[in-house]
Amino acid sequence: MVVEAFGGPDVFELRDVPDPVVGPGQVRVGVDHCGVNFTDVRNRRGDGLGRPPMVVGIEVAGRVLEVGEGVERLQVGDAVAALCGGDGYAEQVVTDAARVVRLPADLAGDPVAACVVGVLPSALNLLRHGGRVQPGESMLFHGAAGGVGSVFAQAAKVLGLGPTIGTVGSQSKVDAAQRFGYANVVVRDGFVDSIGGLTEGRGVDVVFDPIGGAVRARSWEALADFGRLVHFGNASHEPEVVPAADALRARGLGYMGYSGGQHAVRDPQTVRSSWLEAVDLVASGRVVIEVTEVFSLADAARAHALFEGGETVGKVVLAP
């Protein structure tokens, strides 16, 4: 699915292109499934990476079709999950072997496999390295029914952390988010008052926010003294509002940023370890990634329209 020009979901065009060429240290993967992420939306509309014509898509699963020079730990036919930094909305993709992990037999061919090195490692690394959460600290996660949100509370429990409160955009998503393991789920409109009631006016220790704009501006009010806010995206596309330094200092508040993409560049070994950990957690059933919709590759525009409109829950996947 080629993005011919920046714009809305209708810019996708189904085209035949030459097979990708494998270079040294790379593998070519036949794609069974590709996860849909907000990064893909940003790249498609022009406030991310890449220039048209291009193919978006950063997480895939399938089987190894070819290995490049110097690749020893992967073989043709291996069932794998991979991050590819783009080009994933396709029948085949080439990526660095270092960004590929083998899958156990029971995950091979499962749509969940396309999400296992994306959302769950993001949740684990947000907790450990973004928020540096300690046992007993309380948390608020905005977007509890979304991709990362659907595994965040589960990841917190695996790490012995919590409790976690989630917010959702509408009442219709409360039940879905509740089954993802949150202690409480509240509708985002009026969340500050809800947090006050749930914490007896204290607030939470850590807020994780991928939404930005007005939601982030209000999130400071939901923090306890000496709490911290972790910014890891701006899905709202709204201007950022950051408190004055004096206001942060007065309450001892911290403002922290986290980027999964930059973490993988700056600390690749740690991030790779989280991929392997995620595969084990999902394969063992300790964490459940809920794929709620699987679209054909040709329906990428429809998948994006629903995803961007906030009408999806859990993970959405494309199937070439």
Protein backbone atom coordinates (compact mmCIF):
# COMPACT_ATOMS: atom_id res chain seq x y z
CA MET A 1 0.00 0.00 0.00
CA VAL A 2 1.86 3.03 -1.29
CA VAL A 3 1.39 6.52 0.16
CA GLU A 4 1.46 8.62 -3.00
CA ALA A 5 1.19 11.98 -1.21
CA PHE A 6 0.80 13.19 2.38
CA GLY A 7 -2.82 13.36 3.44
CA GLY A 8 -5.78 11.43 4.76
CA PRO A 9 -6.41 7.67 4.54
CA ASP A 10 -7.50 7.99 0.90
CA VAL A 11 -3.90 8.61 -0.23
CA PHE A 12 -3.15 4.86 -0.06
CA GLU A 13 -2.81 3.13 -3.42
CA LEU A 14 -2.46 -0.61 -3.97
CA ARG A 15 0.49 -1.15 -6.31
CA ASP A 16 2.89 -3.84 -7.45
CA VAL A 17 6.51 -2.89 -6.73
CA PRO A 18 9.79 -4.81 -7.14
CA ASP A 19 10.71 -7.30 -4.42
CA PRO A 20 12.92 -5.65 -1.77
CA VAL A 21 16.63 -6.45 -2.04
CA VAL A 22 18.48 -7.99 0.92
CA GLY A 23 21.77 -6.43 1.97
CA PRO A 24 24.45 -7.63 4.38
CA GLY A 25 23.10 -8.20 7.87
CA GLN A 26 19.50 -8.12 6.67
CA VAL A 27 16.64 -10.56 6.13
CA ARG A 28 13.66 -10.57 3.77
CA VAL A 29 10.40 -11.48 5.48
CA GLY A 30 7.20 -12.70 3.86
CA VAL A 31 4.58 -10.73 5.79
CA ASP A 32 1.61 -12.61 7.25
CA HIS A 33 0.39 -9.69 9.35
CA CYS A 34 1.33 -6.06 9.95
CA GLY A 35 0.28 -4.01 12.96
CA VAL A 36 -1.38 -0.60 12.55
CA ASN A 37 0.16 2.09 14.78
CA PHE A 38 -0.19 5.80 15.33
CA THR A 39 3.34 6.16 13.94
CA ASP A 40 1.93 4.97 10.60
CA VAL A 41 -0.76 7.66 10.75
CA ARG A 42 1.81 10.36 11.47
CA ASN A 43 4.06 9.21 8.65
CA ARG A 44 1.12 9.03 6.22
CA ARG A 45 -0.12 12.54 6.97
CA GLY A 46 3.34 14.13 6.91
CA ASP A 47 4.28 14.90 10.51
CA GLY A 48 6.54 11.88 10.92
CA LEU A 49 9.29 10.29 8.83
CA GLY A 50 9.60 9.49 5.14
CA ARG A 51 8.69 11.19 1.87
CA PRO A 52 6.16 10.01 -0.73
CA PRO A 53 5.96 7.81 -2.58
CA MET A 54 6.56 5.47 0.34
CA VAL A 55 5.21 2.48 2.25
CA VAL A 56 4.46 2.85 5.97
CA GLY A 57 4.28 0.16 8.64
CA ILE A 58 6.76 -0.59 11.41
CA GLU A 59 5.84 -3.99 12.91
CA VAL A 60 5.32 -7.25 11.05
CA ALA A 61 5.27 -11.00 11.50
CA GLY A 62 5.76 -13.78 8.99
CA ARG A 63 8.50 -16.12 7.76
CA VAL A 64 12.05 -15.54 6.64
CA LEU A 65 12.33 -15.77 2.84
CA GLU A 66 16.02 -14.86 2.47
CA VAL A 67 19.00 -14.03 4.66
CA GLY A 68 21.77 -11.62 3.79
CA GLU A 69 25.50 -12.01 4.11
CA GLY A 70 26.69 -12.34 7.69
CA VAL A 71 23.34 -13.41 9.15
CA GLU A 72 23.84 -16.59 11.17
CA ARG A 73 21.11 -16.90 13.79
CA LEU A 74 18.18 -16.83 11.35
CA GLN A 75 17.31 -19.28 8.59
CA VAL A 76 14.90 -19.39 5.67
CA GLY A 77 11.54 -20.62 6.93
CA ASP A 78 11.88 -19.29 10.49
CA ALA A 79 8.67 -17.82 11.92
CA VAL A 80 9.58 -14.31 13.08
CA ALA A 81 8.35 -10.97 14.34
CA ALA A 82 10.21 -7.85 13.29
CA LEU A 83 10.39 -4.10 13.47
CA CYS A 84 11.12 -2.56 10.10
CA GLY A 85 11.03 1.23 10.49
CA GLY A 86 8.67 1.52 7.50
CA ASP A 87 7.74 -0.57 4.44
CA GLY A 88 5.59 -2.97 6.49
CA TYR A 89 2.29 -2.55 4.59
CA ALA A 90 3.44 -5.03 1.95
CA GLU A 91 3.71 -8.71 1.14
CA GLN A 92 7.47 -8.64 1.73
CA VAL A 93 9.79 -6.42 3.73
CA VAL A 94 13.54 -6.22 4.32
CA THR A 95 14.88 -5.27 7.74
CA ASP A 96 18.05 -5.63 9.79
CA ALA A 97 18.48 -9.07 11.33
CA ALA A 98 19.10 -7.41 14.71
CA ARG A 99 15.48 -6.22 14.65
CA VAL A 100 14.06 -9.70 14.11
CA VAL A 101 13.12 -12.29 16.76
CA ARG A 102 12.08 -15.92 16.33
CA LEU A 103 8.58 -16.91 17.34
CA PRO A 104 7.48 -20.10 19.09
CA ALA A 105 5.33 -22.42 16.99
CA ASP A 106 2.05 -21.47 18.68
CA LEU A 107 2.45 -17.81 17.69
CA ALA A 108 3.43 -18.47 14.05
CA GLY A 109 0.70 -17.21 11.75
CA ASP A 110 -1.30 -15.65 14.60
CA PRO A 111 -2.23 -11.95 14.03
CA VAL A 112 -1.03 -11.28 17.58
CA ALA A 113 2.52 -12.04 16.42
CA ALA A 114 2.58 -8.78 14.46
CA CYS A 115 2.19 -6.83 17.70
CA VAL A 116 4.48 -8.70 20.04
CA VAL A 117 7.64 -6.59 19.47
CA GLY A 118 5.69 -3.34 19.28
CA VAL A 119 3.15 -2.52 22.00
CA LEU A 120 4.30 -4.78 24.83
CA PRO A 121 8.00 -3.79 24.77
CA SER A 122 6.79 -0.17 24.63
CA ALA A 123 4.78 -0.72 27.81
CA LEU A 124 7.63 -2.50 29.59
CA ASN A 125 10.15 0.18 28.66
CA LEU A 126 7.79 3.03 29.53
CA LEU A 127 7.45 1.60 33.02
CA ARG A 128 11.11 0.79 33.57
CA HIS A 129 12.92 3.53 31.68
CA GLY A 130 10.37 6.24 30.86
CA GLY A 131 8.56 6.57 34.17
CA ARG A 132 11.07 4.64 36.33
CA VAL A 133 8.10 3.47 38.36
CA GLN A 134 8.70 2.03 41.83
CA PRO A 135 6.57 -0.61 43.59
CA GLY A 136 3.58 0.95 45.31
CA GLU A 137 3.45 4.05 43.12
CA SER A 138 0.11 4.82 41.51
CA MET A 139 -0.22 5.50 37.79
CA LEU A 140 -2.58 7.06 35.27
CA PHE A 141 -2.45 5.95 31.63
CA HIS A 142 -4.28 7.94 28.95
CA GLY A 143 -5.64 5.81 26.09
CA ALA A 144 -6.26 2.64 28.09
CA ALA A 145 -8.26 0.98 25.31
CA GLY A 146 -5.63 1.54 22.61
CA GLY A 147 -2.71 -0.60 21.48
CA VAL A 148 -0.12 0.16 24.18
CA GLY A 149 -2.91 0.86 26.65
CA SER A 150 -4.34 -2.62 26.17
CA VAL A 151 -1.16 -4.20 27.61
CA PHE A 152 0.12 -1.43 29.91
CA ALA A 153 -1.71 -2.47 33.07
CA GLN A 154 -0.87 -6.13 32.39
CA ALA A 155 2.82 -5.23 32.02
CA ALA A 156 2.68 -3.27 35.28
CA LYS A 157 1.33 -6.33 37.11
CA VAL A 158 4.01 -8.58 35.63
CA LEU A 159 6.65 -6.15 36.96
CA GLY A 160 5.01 -6.00 40.39
CA LEU A 161 3.84 -2.42 39.89
CA GLY A 162 0.55 -0.62 40.27
CA PRO A 163 -2.23 0.23 40.85
CA THR A 164 -3.01 1.71 37.42
CA ILE A 165 -5.94 3.92 36.45
CA GLY A 166 -6.82 4.26 32.77
CA THR A 167 -8.69 6.90 30.80
CA VAL A 168 -10.71 6.33 27.63
CA GLY A 169 -12.31 8.69 25.16
CA SER A 170 -15.90 7.49 25.56
CA GLN A 171 -18.15 5.48 27.86
CA SER A 172 -18.39 2.77 25.20
CA LYS A 173 -14.72 1.86 25.76
CA VAL A 174 -14.83 1.55 29.54
CA ASP A 175 -15.69 -2.15 29.63
CA ALA A 176 -13.01 -3.01 27.06
CA ALA A 177 -10.32 -1.14 28.99
CA GLN A 178 -11.48 -2.67 32.27
CA ARG A 179 -10.75 -6.17 30.99
CA PHE A 180 -7.20 -5.06 30.13
CA GLY A 181 -6.35 -5.11 33.85
CA TYR A 182 -6.81 -1.54 35.09
CA ALA A 183 -7.80 -0.97 38.71
CA ASN A 184 -10.19 1.75 37.52
CA VAL A 185 -11.17 3.19 34.15
CA VAL A 186 -12.63 6.69 33.73
CA VAL A 187 -13.86 8.70 30.77
CA ARG A 188 -11.29 11.32 29.81
CA ASP A 189 -13.69 14.26 30.01
CA GLY A 190 -13.53 15.22 33.66
CA PHE A 191 -10.69 12.84 34.47
CA VAL A 192 -9.05 15.26 36.93
CA ASP A 193 -12.10 15.19 39.20
CA SER A 194 -12.32 11.40 38.84
CA ILE A 195 -8.67 10.98 39.84
CA GLY A 196 -9.22 13.26 42.83
CA GLY A 197 -12.09 11.07 43.98
CA LEU A 198 -10.22 7.80 43.46
CA THR A 199 -7.11 9.00 45.32
CA GLU A 200 -8.82 11.00 48.10
CA GLY A 201 -7.46 14.21 46.60
CA ARG A 202 -3.82 13.10 46.57
CA GLY A 203 -3.39 12.46 42.84
CA VAL A 204 -1.26 9.81 41.17
CA ASP A 205 2.52 9.43 41.24
CA VAL A 206 3.03 9.02 37.49
CA VAL A 207 0.98 10.03 34.44
CA PHE A 208 1.73 8.42 31.07
CA ASP A 209 0.41 10.55 28.23
CA PRO A 210 0.50 9.90 24.46
CA ILE A 211 -2.30 12.38 23.72
CA GLY A 212 -0.85 15.83 24.46
CA GLY A 213 -2.53 19.20 24.07
CA ALA A 214 -5.39 19.92 26.46
CA VAL A 215 -5.20 16.45 28.02
CA ARG A 216 -1.55 16.94 28.94
CA ALA A 217 -2.23 20.43 30.26
CA ARG A 218 -4.88 19.05 32.66
CA SER A 219 -2.76 16.04 33.61
CA TRP A 220 -0.52 18.16 35.82
CA GLU A 221 -3.54 18.69 38.08
CA ALA A 222 -3.93 14.93 38.48
CA LEU A 223 -0.38 14.48 39.82
CA ALA A 224 0.51 14.10 43.47
CA ASP A 225 3.26 16.31 44.85
CA PHE A 226 6.67 15.01 43.71
CA GLY A 227 4.96 13.13 40.89
CA ARG A 228 6.03 13.05 37.26
CA LEU A 229 4.50 13.14 33.82
CA VAL A 230 5.85 10.97 30.99
CA HIS A 231 5.24 12.41 27.53
CA PHE A 232 5.47 9.79 24.76
CA GLY A 233 3.45 11.25 21.92
CA ASN A 234 0.97 13.88 20.77
CA ALA A 235 -1.94 12.07 19.14
CA SER A 236 -4.14 15.15 19.55
CA HIS A 237 -1.86 17.19 17.28
CA GLU A 238 -2.58 20.14 19.60
CA PRO A 239 -0.05 22.71 20.86
CA GLU A 240 1.85 21.67 23.96
CA VAL A 241 1.25 23.50 27.25
CA VAL A 242 4.02 23.06 29.81
CA PRO A 243 3.90 24.58 33.31
CA ALA A 244 6.41 27.27 34.20
CA ALA A 245 9.61 26.05 35.83
CA ASP A 246 8.64 27.76 39.09
CA ALA A 247 5.36 25.85 39.21
CA LEU A 248 7.14 22.53 38.68
CA ARG A 249 9.70 23.34 41.33
CA ALA A 250 7.09 24.40 43.88
CA ARG A 251 5.43 20.97 43.82
CA GLY A 252 8.54 18.95 43.02
CA LEU A 253 7.07 17.71 39.73
CA GLY A 254 9.08 16.08 36.95
CA TYR A 255 8.52 16.17 33.19
CA MET A 256 9.98 13.20 31.35
CA GLY A 257 10.04 12.27 27.67
CA TYR A 258 10.18 8.82 26.12
CA SER A 259 10.57 7.67 22.51
CA GLY A 260 10.57 3.97 21.70
CA GLY A 261 12.31 4.65 18.40
CA GLN A 262 15.10 6.66 19.99
CA HIS A 263 15.46 4.15 22.82
CA ALA A 264 16.10 1.44 20.23
CA VAL A 265 18.83 3.59 18.66
CA ARG A 266 20.48 4.71 21.90
CA ASP A 267 20.24 1.45 23.87
CA PRO A 268 19.60 -1.39 21.38
CA GLN A 269 20.58 -4.25 23.69
CA THR A 270 18.09 -3.23 26.37
CA VAL A 271 15.32 -2.82 23.82
CA ARG A 272 16.08 -6.16 22.16
CA SER A 273 15.90 -7.82 25.57
CA SER A 274 12.40 -6.37 25.98
CA TRP A 275 11.38 -7.90 22.60
CA LEU A 276 12.47 -11.35 23.74
CA GLU A 277 10.77 -10.82 27.10
CA ALA A 278 7.56 -9.80 25.34
CA VAL A 279 7.54 -12.92 23.14
CA ASP A 280 7.89 -15.08 26.26
CA LEU A 281 5.14 -13.21 28.15
CA VAL A 282 2.67 -13.55 25.28
CA ALA A 283 3.56 -17.15 24.45
CA SER A 284 3.14 -18.13 28.11
CA GLY A 285 -0.21 -16.33 28.37
CA ARG A 286 0.95 -14.01 31.14
CA VAL A 287 0.09 -11.04 28.91
CA VAL A 288 -2.75 -11.08 26.38
CA ILE A 289 -2.57 -8.85 23.30
CA GLU A 290 -6.10 -8.45 22.01
CA VAL A 291 -6.33 -8.09 18.23
CA THR A 292 -9.86 -6.84 17.70
CA GLU A 293 -9.89 -6.32 13.92
CA VAL A 294 -7.96 -7.80 11.00
CA PHE A 295 -8.25 -5.97 7.67
CA SER A 296 -6.97 -7.04 4.28
CA LEU A 297 -3.98 -5.07 3.07
CA ALA A 298 -6.18 -3.43 0.42
CA ASP A 299 -8.40 -2.08 3.24
CA ALA A 300 -5.56 -0.10 4.84
CA ALA A 301 -7.41 3.18 4.22
CA ARG A 302 -10.49 1.95 6.09
CA ALA A 303 -8.35 0.65 8.93
CA HIS A 304 -6.64 4.04 9.22
CA ALA A 305 -9.93 5.93 9.14
CA LEU A 306 -11.32 3.90 12.04
CA PHE A 307 -8.03 3.99 13.95
CA GLU A 308 -7.53 7.74 13.50
CA GLY A 309 -11.15 8.42 14.42
CA GLY A 310 -10.74 6.71 17.78
CA GLU A 311 -13.23 3.97 16.89
CA THR A 312 -10.94 0.99 17.53
CA VAL A 313 -10.09 -0.94 20.68
CA GLY A 314 -6.96 -3.00 21.28
CA LYS A 315 -4.83 -3.75 18.23
CA VAL A 316 -5.75 -3.45 14.56
CA VAL A 317 -3.81 -5.60 12.09
CA LEU A 318 -3.49 -5.82 8.30
CA ALA A 319 -3.21 -9.19 6.54
CA PRO A 320 -1.43 -9.24 3.16
